[in-house]
């Protein structure tokens, strides 16, 4: 870590402690993620960290969201966890958008975000040791997507939860097989996303972009649908080791 980053981390920890929240159980890389998300401003990053800690303590009571609390979301089999990418060794998540329907249980839909994110982050570890990068790559496949699958409210909520409570966790978002009508939908949700998030979103719409996509993910990790040999692995079928607080 650079000297300037070390100073910022120390200043942020002090600011958080002044607000009555302890940082002793959290590593410097964790603190640094909040700083990067707030342009290395210790005070703004401290505010974000305190808000995150309050949300975590109130919303994720067990330290994780068990399968039993998101059964409907898992039953749709719309999310898959495929291992690590070739470039960056980042967890690869595949989402089949045509298997998503507007949730009747909004609380469960919100709980699915930390359930998914925590499991993806945990997949970067094996035996307590980090084997990959904690930033994830998300592939959203929109093949056979219909209007019934478009869920503006939950999409905005999901992005906002990730931005607010999982800073610097998204490496890249690839959008595949995007139908024409999604462009109107995109105009609605894009204003709710910060600039840093928007820069990580890639519409794969031509051969050059597809080549870059395959190169970054790696053919061995890609499911058969996208030119690789791998089988899709449903999120609920992936077993991860419970991580200590970081």
C-alpha atoms as a PDB file:
ATOM      1  CA  UNK A   1       0.000   0.000   0.000  1.00  0.00           C
ATOM      2  CA  UNK A   2       1.280   3.454  -0.920  1.00  0.00           C
ATOM      3  CA  UNK A   3       2.178   5.933   1.818  1.00  0.00           C
ATOM      4  CA  UNK A   4      -0.673   8.279   0.864  1.00  0.00           C
ATOM      5  CA  UNK A   5      -3.108   5.366   1.077  1.00  0.00           C
ATOM      6  CA  UNK A   6      -1.744   4.362   4.494  1.00  0.00           C
ATOM      7  CA  UNK A   7      -2.304   7.898   5.757  1.00  0.00           C
ATOM      8  CA  UNK A   8      -5.853   7.982   4.366  1.00  0.00           C
ATOM      9  CA  UNK A   9      -6.635   4.593   5.952  1.00  0.00           C
ATOM     10  CA  UNK A  10      -5.382   5.817   9.333  1.00  0.00           C
ATOM     11  CA  UNK A  11      -7.421   9.034   9.052  1.00  0.00           C
ATOM     12  CA  UNK A  12     -10.564   7.140   8.037  1.00  0.00           C
ATOM     13  CA  UNK A  13     -10.221   4.679  10.916  1.00  0.00           C
ATOM     14  CA  UNK A  14      -9.916   7.610  13.348  1.00  0.00           C
ATOM     15  CA  UNK A  15     -13.001   9.279  11.877  1.00  0.00           C
ATOM     16  CA  UNK A  16     -15.034   6.063  12.124  1.00  0.00           C
ATOM     17  CA  UNK A  17     -13.927   5.508  15.748  1.00  0.00           C
ATOM     18  CA  UNK A  18     -15.061   9.058  16.638  1.00  0.00           C
ATOM     19  CA  UNK A  19     -18.560   8.027  15.517  1.00  0.00           C
ATOM     20  CA  UNK A  20     -18.550   5.163  18.003  1.00  0.00           C
ATOM     21  CA  UNK A  21     -17.888   2.358  15.509  1.00  0.00           C
ATOM     22  CA  UNK A  22     -14.895   0.050  15.818  1.00  0.00           C
ATOM     23  CA  UNK A  23     -12.724  -0.807  12.812  1.00  0.00           C
ATOM     24  CA  UNK A  24     -10.345  -3.233  14.546  1.00  0.00           C
ATOM     25  CA  UNK A  25     -11.949  -6.293  12.923  1.00  0.00           C
ATOM     26  CA  UNK A  26     -11.573  -4.891   9.404  1.00  0.00           C
ATOM     27  CA  UNK A  27      -8.451  -5.132   7.262  1.00  0.00           C
ATOM     28  CA  UNK A  28      -6.772  -2.241   5.474  1.00  0.00           C
ATOM     29  CA  UNK A  29      -7.954  -3.525   2.044  1.00  0.00           C
ATOM     30  CA  UNK A  30     -11.562  -3.379   3.310  1.00  0.00           C
ATOM     31  CA  UNK A  31     -11.097   0.182   4.565  1.00  0.00           C
ATOM     32  CA  UNK A  32      -9.386   1.111   1.296  1.00  0.00           C
ATOM     33  CA  UNK A  33     -12.391  -0.007  -0.767  1.00  0.00           C
ATOM     34  CA  UNK A  34     -14.541   2.602   0.971  1.00  0.00           C
ATOM     35  CA  UNK A  35     -11.870   5.248   0.436  1.00  0.00           C
ATOM     36  CA  UNK A  36     -11.599   4.511  -3.283  1.00  0.00           C
ATOM     37  CA  UNK A  37     -15.395   4.677  -3.571  1.00  0.00           C
ATOM     38  CA  UNK A  38     -15.272   8.177  -2.053  1.00  0.00           C
ATOM     39  CA  UNK A  39     -12.282   9.512  -4.017  1.00  0.00           C
ATOM     40  CA  UNK A  40      -9.896   8.940  -1.076  1.00  0.00           C
ATOM     41  CA  UNK A  41     -11.768  11.408   1.163  1.00  0.00           C
ATOM     42  CA  UNK A  42     -11.418   9.966   4.730  1.00  0.00           C
ATOM     43  CA  UNK A  43     -14.470  11.792   6.121  1.00  0.00           C
ATOM     44  CA  UNK A  44     -16.820  10.813   3.300  1.00  0.00           C
ATOM     45  CA  UNK A  45     -15.469   7.234   3.335  1.00  0.00           C
ATOM     46  CA  UNK A  46     -15.973   7.057   7.119  1.00  0.00           C
ATOM     47  CA  UNK A  47     -19.594   8.146   6.709  1.00  0.00           C
ATOM     48  CA  UNK A  48     -20.115   5.464   4.065  1.00  0.00           C
ATOM     49  CA  UNK A  49     -18.491   2.814   6.291  1.00  0.00           C
ATOM     50  CA  UNK A  50     -20.668   3.711   9.301  1.00  0.00           C
ATOM     51  CA  UNK A  51     -23.815   3.548   7.144  1.00  0.00           C
ATOM     52  CA  UNK A  52     -22.691   0.171   5.785  1.00  0.00           C
ATOM     53  CA  UNK A  53     -22.009  -1.184   9.302  1.00  0.00           C
ATOM     54  CA  UNK A  54     -25.436  -0.039  10.520  1.00  0.00           C
ATOM     55  CA  UNK A  55     -27.145  -1.661   7.516  1.00  0.00           C
ATOM     56  CA  UNK A  56     -25.146  -4.853   7.966  1.00  0.00           C
ATOM     57  CA  UNK A  57     -25.971  -5.118  11.681  1.00  0.00           C
ATOM     58  CA  UNK A  58     -29.687  -4.499  11.101  1.00  0.00           C
ATOM     59  CA  UNK A  59     -30.302  -6.297   7.797  1.00  0.00           C
ATOM     60  CA  UNK A  60     -27.834  -9.202   7.782  1.00  0.00           C
ATOM     61  CA  UNK A  61     -28.467 -10.372  11.340  1.00  0.00           C
ATOM     62  CA  UNK A  62     -26.647 -13.729  11.132  1.00  0.00           C
ATOM     63  CA  UNK A  63     -23.682 -12.275   9.266  1.00  0.00           C
ATOM     64  CA  UNK A  64     -25.091 -13.874   6.102  1.00  0.00           C
ATOM     65  CA  UNK A  65     -28.481 -14.452   4.439  1.00  0.00           C
ATOM     66  CA  UNK A  66     -29.344 -18.195   4.512  1.00  0.00           C
ATOM     67  CA  UNK A  67     -30.918 -19.991   1.547  1.00  0.00           C
ATOM     68  CA  UNK A  68     -34.160 -20.343   3.522  1.00  0.00           C
ATOM     69  CA  UNK A  69     -34.707 -16.562   3.386  1.00  0.00           C
ATOM     70  CA  UNK A  70     -34.390 -16.317  -0.411  1.00  0.00           C
ATOM     71  CA  UNK A  71     -36.017 -19.565  -1.537  1.00  0.00           C
ATOM     72  CA  UNK A  72     -38.155 -18.018  -4.293  1.00  0.00           C
ATOM     73  CA  UNK A  73     -35.185 -16.191  -5.808  1.00  0.00           C
ATOM     74  CA  UNK A  74     -33.066 -19.343  -5.808  1.00  0.00           C
ATOM     75  CA  UNK A  75     -35.877 -21.511  -7.184  1.00  0.00           C
ATOM     76  CA  UNK A  76     -35.883 -19.463 -10.392  1.00  0.00           C
ATOM     77  CA  UNK A  77     -32.345 -20.743 -11.117  1.00  0.00           C
ATOM     78  CA  UNK A  78     -31.438 -17.459 -12.728  1.00  0.00           C
ATOM     79  CA  UNK A  79     -27.970 -16.962 -11.181  1.00  0.00           C
ATOM     80  CA  UNK A  80     -24.882 -19.151 -11.653  1.00  0.00           C
ATOM     81  CA  UNK A  81     -21.381 -19.009 -10.163  1.00  0.00           C
ATOM     82  CA  UNK A  82     -18.742 -20.251 -12.606  1.00  0.00           C
ATOM     83  CA  UNK A  83     -15.358 -20.061 -10.907  1.00  0.00           C
ATOM     84  CA  UNK A  84     -12.595 -17.536 -11.618  1.00  0.00           C
ATOM     85  CA  UNK A  85     -11.853 -15.556 -14.776  1.00  0.00           C
ATOM     86  CA  UNK A  86      -8.620 -16.060 -16.699  1.00  0.00           C
ATOM     87  CA  UNK A  87      -7.651 -12.392 -16.453  1.00  0.00           C
ATOM     88  CA  UNK A  88      -7.718 -11.077 -12.902  1.00  0.00           C
ATOM     89  CA  UNK A  89      -8.837 -14.337 -11.271  1.00  0.00           C
ATOM     90  CA  UNK A  90     -12.244 -12.797 -10.504  1.00  0.00           C
ATOM     91  CA  UNK A  91     -15.409 -14.747  -9.649  1.00  0.00           C
ATOM     92  CA  UNK A  92     -17.657 -15.043 -12.708  1.00  0.00           C
ATOM     93  CA  UNK A  93     -21.406 -14.739 -12.165  1.00  0.00           C
ATOM     94  CA  UNK A  94     -23.910 -15.499 -14.942  1.00  0.00           C
ATOM     95  CA  UNK A  95     -27.460 -14.192 -14.745  1.00  0.00           C
ATOM     96  CA  UNK A  96     -30.188 -15.441 -17.098  1.00  0.00           C
ATOM     97  CA  UNK A  97     -32.435 -12.391 -17.313  1.00  0.00           C
ATOM     98  CA  UNK A  98     -35.335 -14.270 -18.926  1.00  0.00           C
ATOM     99  CA  UNK A  99     -35.706 -16.325 -15.729  1.00  0.00           C
ATOM    100  CA  UNK A 100     -36.303 -13.254 -13.598  1.00  0.00           C
ATOM    101  CA  UNK A 101     -39.831 -12.085 -12.850  1.00  0.00           C
ATOM    102  CA  UNK A 102     -40.928  -9.238 -10.631  1.00  0.00           C
ATOM    103  CA  UNK A 103     -40.764 -10.441  -7.063  1.00  0.00           C
ATOM    104  CA  UNK A 104     -43.966 -10.607  -5.013  1.00  0.00           C
ATOM    105  CA  UNK A 105     -41.811 -10.364  -1.908  1.00  0.00           C
ATOM    106  CA  UNK A 106     -39.762  -7.165  -2.052  1.00  0.00           C
ATOM    107  CA  UNK A 107     -37.940  -7.940   1.198  1.00  0.00           C
ATOM    108  CA  UNK A 108     -36.765 -11.271  -0.196  1.00  0.00           C
ATOM    109  CA  UNK A 109     -35.600  -9.548  -3.376  1.00  0.00           C
ATOM    110  CA  UNK A 110     -33.519  -7.129  -1.283  1.00  0.00           C
ATOM    111  CA  UNK A 111     -32.093  -9.970   0.818  1.00  0.00           C
ATOM    112  CA  UNK A 112     -31.021 -11.773  -2.338  1.00  0.00           C
ATOM    113  CA  UNK A 113     -28.441  -9.046  -3.028  1.00  0.00           C
ATOM    114  CA  UNK A 114     -26.315  -9.664   0.121  1.00  0.00           C
ATOM    115  CA  UNK A 115     -26.957 -13.420  -0.199  1.00  0.00           C
ATOM    116  CA  UNK A 116     -25.482 -13.371  -3.704  1.00  0.00           C
ATOM    117  CA  UNK A 117     -22.674 -10.890  -3.041  1.00  0.00           C
ATOM    118  CA  UNK A 118     -21.467 -12.569   0.150  1.00  0.00           C
ATOM    119  CA  UNK A 119     -21.372 -15.978  -1.515  1.00  0.00           C
ATOM    120  CA  UNK A 120     -19.512 -14.638  -4.537  1.00  0.00           C
ATOM    121  CA  UNK A 121     -16.929 -12.931  -2.306  1.00  0.00           C
ATOM    122  CA  UNK A 122     -16.538 -16.112  -0.248  1.00  0.00           C
ATOM    123  CA  UNK A 123     -15.858 -18.068  -3.451  1.00  0.00           C
ATOM    124  CA  UNK A 124     -12.592 -16.116  -3.750  1.00  0.00           C
ATOM    125  CA  UNK A 125     -11.298 -17.984  -0.705  1.00  0.00           C
ATOM    126  CA  UNK A 126     -10.334 -21.562  -0.042  1.00  0.00           C
ATOM    127  CA  UNK A 127      -9.311 -22.819   3.383  1.00  0.00           C
ATOM    128  CA  UNK A 128      -9.248 -19.236   4.652  1.00  0.00           C
ATOM    129  CA  UNK A 129      -6.756 -18.177   1.963  1.00  0.00           C
ATOM    130  CA  UNK A 130      -7.544 -15.858  -0.909  1.00  0.00           C
ATOM    131  CA  UNK A 131      -7.311 -17.695  -4.233  1.00  0.00           C
ATOM    132  CA  UNK A 132      -8.905 -15.023  -6.389  1.00  0.00           C
ATOM    133  CA  UNK A 133      -9.791 -11.377  -6.632  1.00  0.00           C
ATOM    134  CA  UNK A 134     -12.811 -10.261  -4.608  1.00  0.00           C
ATOM    135  CA  UNK A 135     -14.054  -8.077  -7.453  1.00  0.00           C
ATOM    136  CA  UNK A 136     -16.598  -9.983  -9.509  1.00  0.00           C
ATOM    137  CA  UNK A 137     -17.449 -10.169 -13.190  1.00  0.00           C
ATOM    138  CA  UNK A 138     -21.184 -10.269 -13.903  1.00  0.00           C
ATOM    139  CA  UNK A 139     -22.513 -11.621 -17.202  1.00  0.00           C
ATOM    140  CA  UNK A 140     -26.167 -10.795 -17.846  1.00  0.00           C
ATOM    141  CA  UNK A 141     -27.590 -12.813 -20.729  1.00  0.00           C
ATOM    142  CA  UNK A 142     -30.743 -11.240 -22.175  1.00  0.00           C
ATOM    143  CA  UNK A 143     -31.524 -13.929 -24.742  1.00  0.00           C
ATOM    144  CA  UNK A 144     -35.289 -14.511 -25.056  1.00  0.00           C
ATOM    145  CA  UNK A 145     -35.911 -11.594 -22.718  1.00  0.00           C
ATOM    146  CA  UNK A 146     -39.512 -10.341 -22.729  1.00  0.00           C
ATOM    147  CA  UNK A 147     -41.290  -7.352 -21.243  1.00  0.00           C
ATOM    148  CA  UNK A 148     -42.487  -9.600 -18.409  1.00  0.00           C
ATOM    149  CA  UNK A 149     -38.871 -10.016 -17.291  1.00  0.00           C
ATOM    150  CA  UNK A 150     -38.116  -6.283 -17.105  1.00  0.00           C
ATOM    151  CA  UNK A 151     -38.176  -5.218 -13.461  1.00  0.00           C
ATOM    152  CA  UNK A 152     -37.088  -1.588 -13.235  1.00  0.00           C
ATOM    153  CA  UNK A 153     -37.641  -1.164  -9.495  1.00  0.00           C
ATOM    154  CA  UNK A 154     -35.661  -4.228  -8.409  1.00  0.00           C
ATOM    155  CA  UNK A 155     -32.914  -3.510 -10.929  1.00  0.00           C
ATOM    156  CA  UNK A 156     -32.429   0.014  -9.558  1.00  0.00           C
ATOM    157  CA  UNK A 157     -32.624  -1.257  -5.957  1.00  0.00           C
ATOM    158  CA  UNK A 158     -30.050  -3.949  -6.652  1.00  0.00           C
ATOM    159  CA  UNK A 159     -27.581  -1.528  -8.218  1.00  0.00           C
ATOM    160  CA  UNK A 160     -28.079   0.961  -5.381  1.00  0.00           C
ATOM    161  CA  UNK A 161     -27.466  -1.700  -2.705  1.00  0.00           C
ATOM    162  CA  UNK A 162     -24.252  -2.801  -4.413  1.00  0.00           C
ATOM    163  CA  UNK A 163     -23.061   0.797  -4.825  1.00  0.00           C
ATOM    164  CA  UNK A 164     -23.831   1.711  -1.208  1.00  0.00           C
ATOM    165  CA  UNK A 165     -22.808  -1.453   0.628  1.00  0.00           C
ATOM    166  CA  UNK A 166     -20.384  -3.325  -1.642  1.00  0.00           C
ATOM    167  CA  UNK A 167     -17.967  -0.604  -2.804  1.00  0.00           C
ATOM    168  CA  UNK A 168     -15.330  -1.585  -5.336  1.00  0.00           C
ATOM    169  CA  UNK A 169     -16.710  -5.117  -5.732  1.00  0.00           C
ATOM    170  CA  UNK A 170     -17.784  -4.975  -9.389  1.00  0.00           C
ATOM    171  CA  UNK A 171     -14.951  -5.420 -11.863  1.00  0.00           C
ATOM    172  CA  UNK A 172     -17.067  -5.532 -15.009  1.00  0.00           C
ATOM    173  CA  UNK A 173     -20.626  -6.151 -16.175  1.00  0.00           C
ATOM    174  CA  UNK A 174     -21.056  -7.751 -19.597  1.00  0.00           C
ATOM    175  CA  UNK A 175     -24.494  -7.502 -21.249  1.00  0.00           C
ATOM    176  CA  UNK A 176     -25.139 -10.188 -23.891  1.00  0.00           C
ATOM    177  CA  UNK A 177     -27.918 -10.623 -26.467  1.00  0.00           C
ATOM    178  CA  UNK A 178     -29.423  -7.238 -25.648  1.00  0.00           C
ATOM    179  CA  UNK A 179     -32.837  -6.726 -27.339  1.00  0.00           C
ATOM    180  CA  UNK A 180     -33.673  -3.340 -28.858  1.00  0.00           C
ATOM    181  CA  UNK A 181     -36.309  -2.384 -26.275  1.00  0.00           C
ATOM    182  CA  UNK A 182     -33.767  -2.568 -23.453  1.00  0.00           C
ATOM    183  CA  UNK A 183     -32.248   0.697 -24.659  1.00  0.00           C
ATOM    184  CA  UNK A 184     -35.326   2.554 -23.373  1.00  0.00           C
ATOM    185  CA  UNK A 185     -35.078   0.675 -20.088  1.00  0.00           C
ATOM    186  CA  UNK A 186     -31.383   1.583 -19.893  1.00  0.00           C
ATOM    187  CA  UNK A 187     -32.196   5.286 -20.226  1.00  0.00           C
ATOM    188  CA  UNK A 188     -34.389   4.954 -17.117  1.00  0.00           C
ATOM    189  CA  UNK A 189     -31.901   3.200 -14.832  1.00  0.00           C
ATOM    190  CA  UNK A 190     -28.548   4.646 -15.972  1.00  0.00           C
ATOM    191  CA  UNK A 191     -29.089   8.030 -14.218  1.00  0.00           C
ATOM    192  CA  UNK A 192     -29.283   6.133 -10.918  1.00  0.00           C
ATOM    193  CA  UNK A 193     -25.778   4.719 -11.387  1.00  0.00           C
ATOM    194  CA  UNK A 194     -22.582   6.538 -10.528  1.00  0.00           C
ATOM    195  CA  UNK A 195     -19.951   7.260 -13.173  1.00  0.00           C
ATOM    196  CA  UNK A 196     -17.544   4.597 -11.854  1.00  0.00           C
ATOM    197  CA  UNK A 197     -20.223   1.900 -12.199  1.00  0.00           C
ATOM    198  CA  UNK A 198     -21.261   3.016 -15.687  1.00  0.00           C
ATOM    199  CA  UNK A 199     -17.661   2.743 -16.887  1.00  0.00           C
ATOM    200  CA  UNK A 200     -17.629  -0.955 -15.921  1.00  0.00           C
ATOM    201  CA  UNK A 201     -20.657  -1.861 -18.052  1.00  0.00           C
ATOM    202  CA  UNK A 202     -19.977  -3.366 -21.487  1.00  0.00           C
ATOM    203  CA  UNK A 203     -22.610  -4.083 -24.128  1.00  0.00           C
ATOM    204  CA  UNK A 204     -21.256  -7.026 -26.142  1.00  0.00           C
ATOM    205  CA  UNK A 205     -22.709  -6.204 -29.553  1.00  0.00           C
ATOM    206  CA  UNK A 206     -20.001  -6.956 -32.143  1.00  0.00           C
ATOM    207  CA  UNK A 207     -17.256  -9.472 -32.891  1.00  0.00           C
ATOM    208  CA  UNK A 208     -14.454  -7.356 -31.412  1.00  0.00           C
ATOM    209  CA  UNK A 209     -16.320  -6.952 -28.109  1.00  0.00           C
ATOM    210  CA  UNK A 210     -17.142 -10.666 -28.082  1.00  0.00           C
ATOM    211  CA  UNK A 211     -13.453 -11.530 -28.593  1.00  0.00           C
ATOM    212  CA  UNK A 212     -12.441  -9.298 -25.662  1.00  0.00           C
ATOM    213  CA  UNK A 213     -15.195 -10.840 -23.547  1.00  0.00           C
ATOM    214  CA  UNK A 214     -14.007 -14.416 -24.215  1.00  0.00           C
ATOM    215  CA  UNK A 215     -10.360 -13.443 -23.662  1.00  0.00           C
ATOM    216  CA  UNK A 216     -11.086 -11.857 -20.277  1.00  0.00           C
ATOM    217  CA  UNK A 217     -13.303 -14.662 -18.955  1.00  0.00           C
ATOM    218  CA  UNK A 218     -11.187 -17.459 -20.409  1.00  0.00           C
ATOM    219  CA  UNK A 219     -12.567 -20.274 -22.540  1.00  0.00           C
ATOM    220  CA  UNK A 220     -12.192 -22.862 -19.759  1.00  0.00           C
ATOM    221  CA  UNK A 221     -14.467 -20.848 -17.448  1.00  0.00           C
ATOM    222  CA  UNK A 222     -17.090 -19.995 -20.074  1.00  0.00           C
ATOM    223  CA  UNK A 223     -20.270 -22.084 -20.118  1.00  0.00           C
ATOM    224  CA  UNK A 224     -21.135 -23.987 -23.293  1.00  0.00           C
ATOM    225  CA  UNK A 225     -23.698 -21.336 -24.276  1.00  0.00           C
ATOM    226  CA  UNK A 226     -20.900 -18.819 -24.782  1.00  0.00           C
ATOM    227  CA  UNK A 227     -18.283 -20.966 -26.481  1.00  0.00           C
ATOM    228  CA  UNK A 228     -16.602 -22.715 -23.561  1.00  0.00           C
ATOM    229  CA  UNK A 229     -16.703 -26.261 -22.151  1.00  0.00           C
ATOM    230  CA  UNK A 230     -18.102 -25.462 -18.686  1.00  0.00           C
ATOM    231  CA  UNK A 231     -21.528 -26.416 -17.375  1.00  0.00           C
ATOM    232  CA  UNK A 232     -23.675 -23.806 -15.658  1.00  0.00           C
ATOM    233  CA  UNK A 233     -23.524 -24.155 -11.854  1.00  0.00           C
ATOM    234  CA  UNK A 234     -26.554 -22.790  -9.984  1.00  0.00           C
ATOM    235  CA  UNK A 235     -25.731 -20.454  -7.100  1.00  0.00           C
ATOM    236  CA  UNK A 236     -27.371 -22.746  -4.536  1.00  0.00           C
ATOM    237  CA  UNK A 237     -25.225 -25.681  -5.695  1.00  0.00           C
ATOM    238  CA  UNK A 238     -21.967 -23.886  -4.872  1.00  0.00           C
ATOM    239  CA  UNK A 239     -20.481 -24.608  -1.457  1.00  0.00           C
ATOM    240  CA  UNK A 240     -18.255 -21.960   0.116  1.00  0.00           C
ATOM    241  CA  UNK A 241     -16.373 -21.682   3.389  1.00  0.00           C
ATOM    242  CA  UNK A 242     -17.807 -19.166   5.831  1.00  0.00           C
ATOM    243  CA  UNK A 243     -15.354 -16.296   6.058  1.00  0.00           C
ATOM    244  CA  UNK A 244     -14.232 -14.523   9.220  1.00  0.00           C
ATOM    245  CA  UNK A 245     -15.015 -10.804   9.378  1.00  0.00           C
ATOM    246  CA  UNK A 246     -12.543  -8.913   7.178  1.00  0.00           C
END
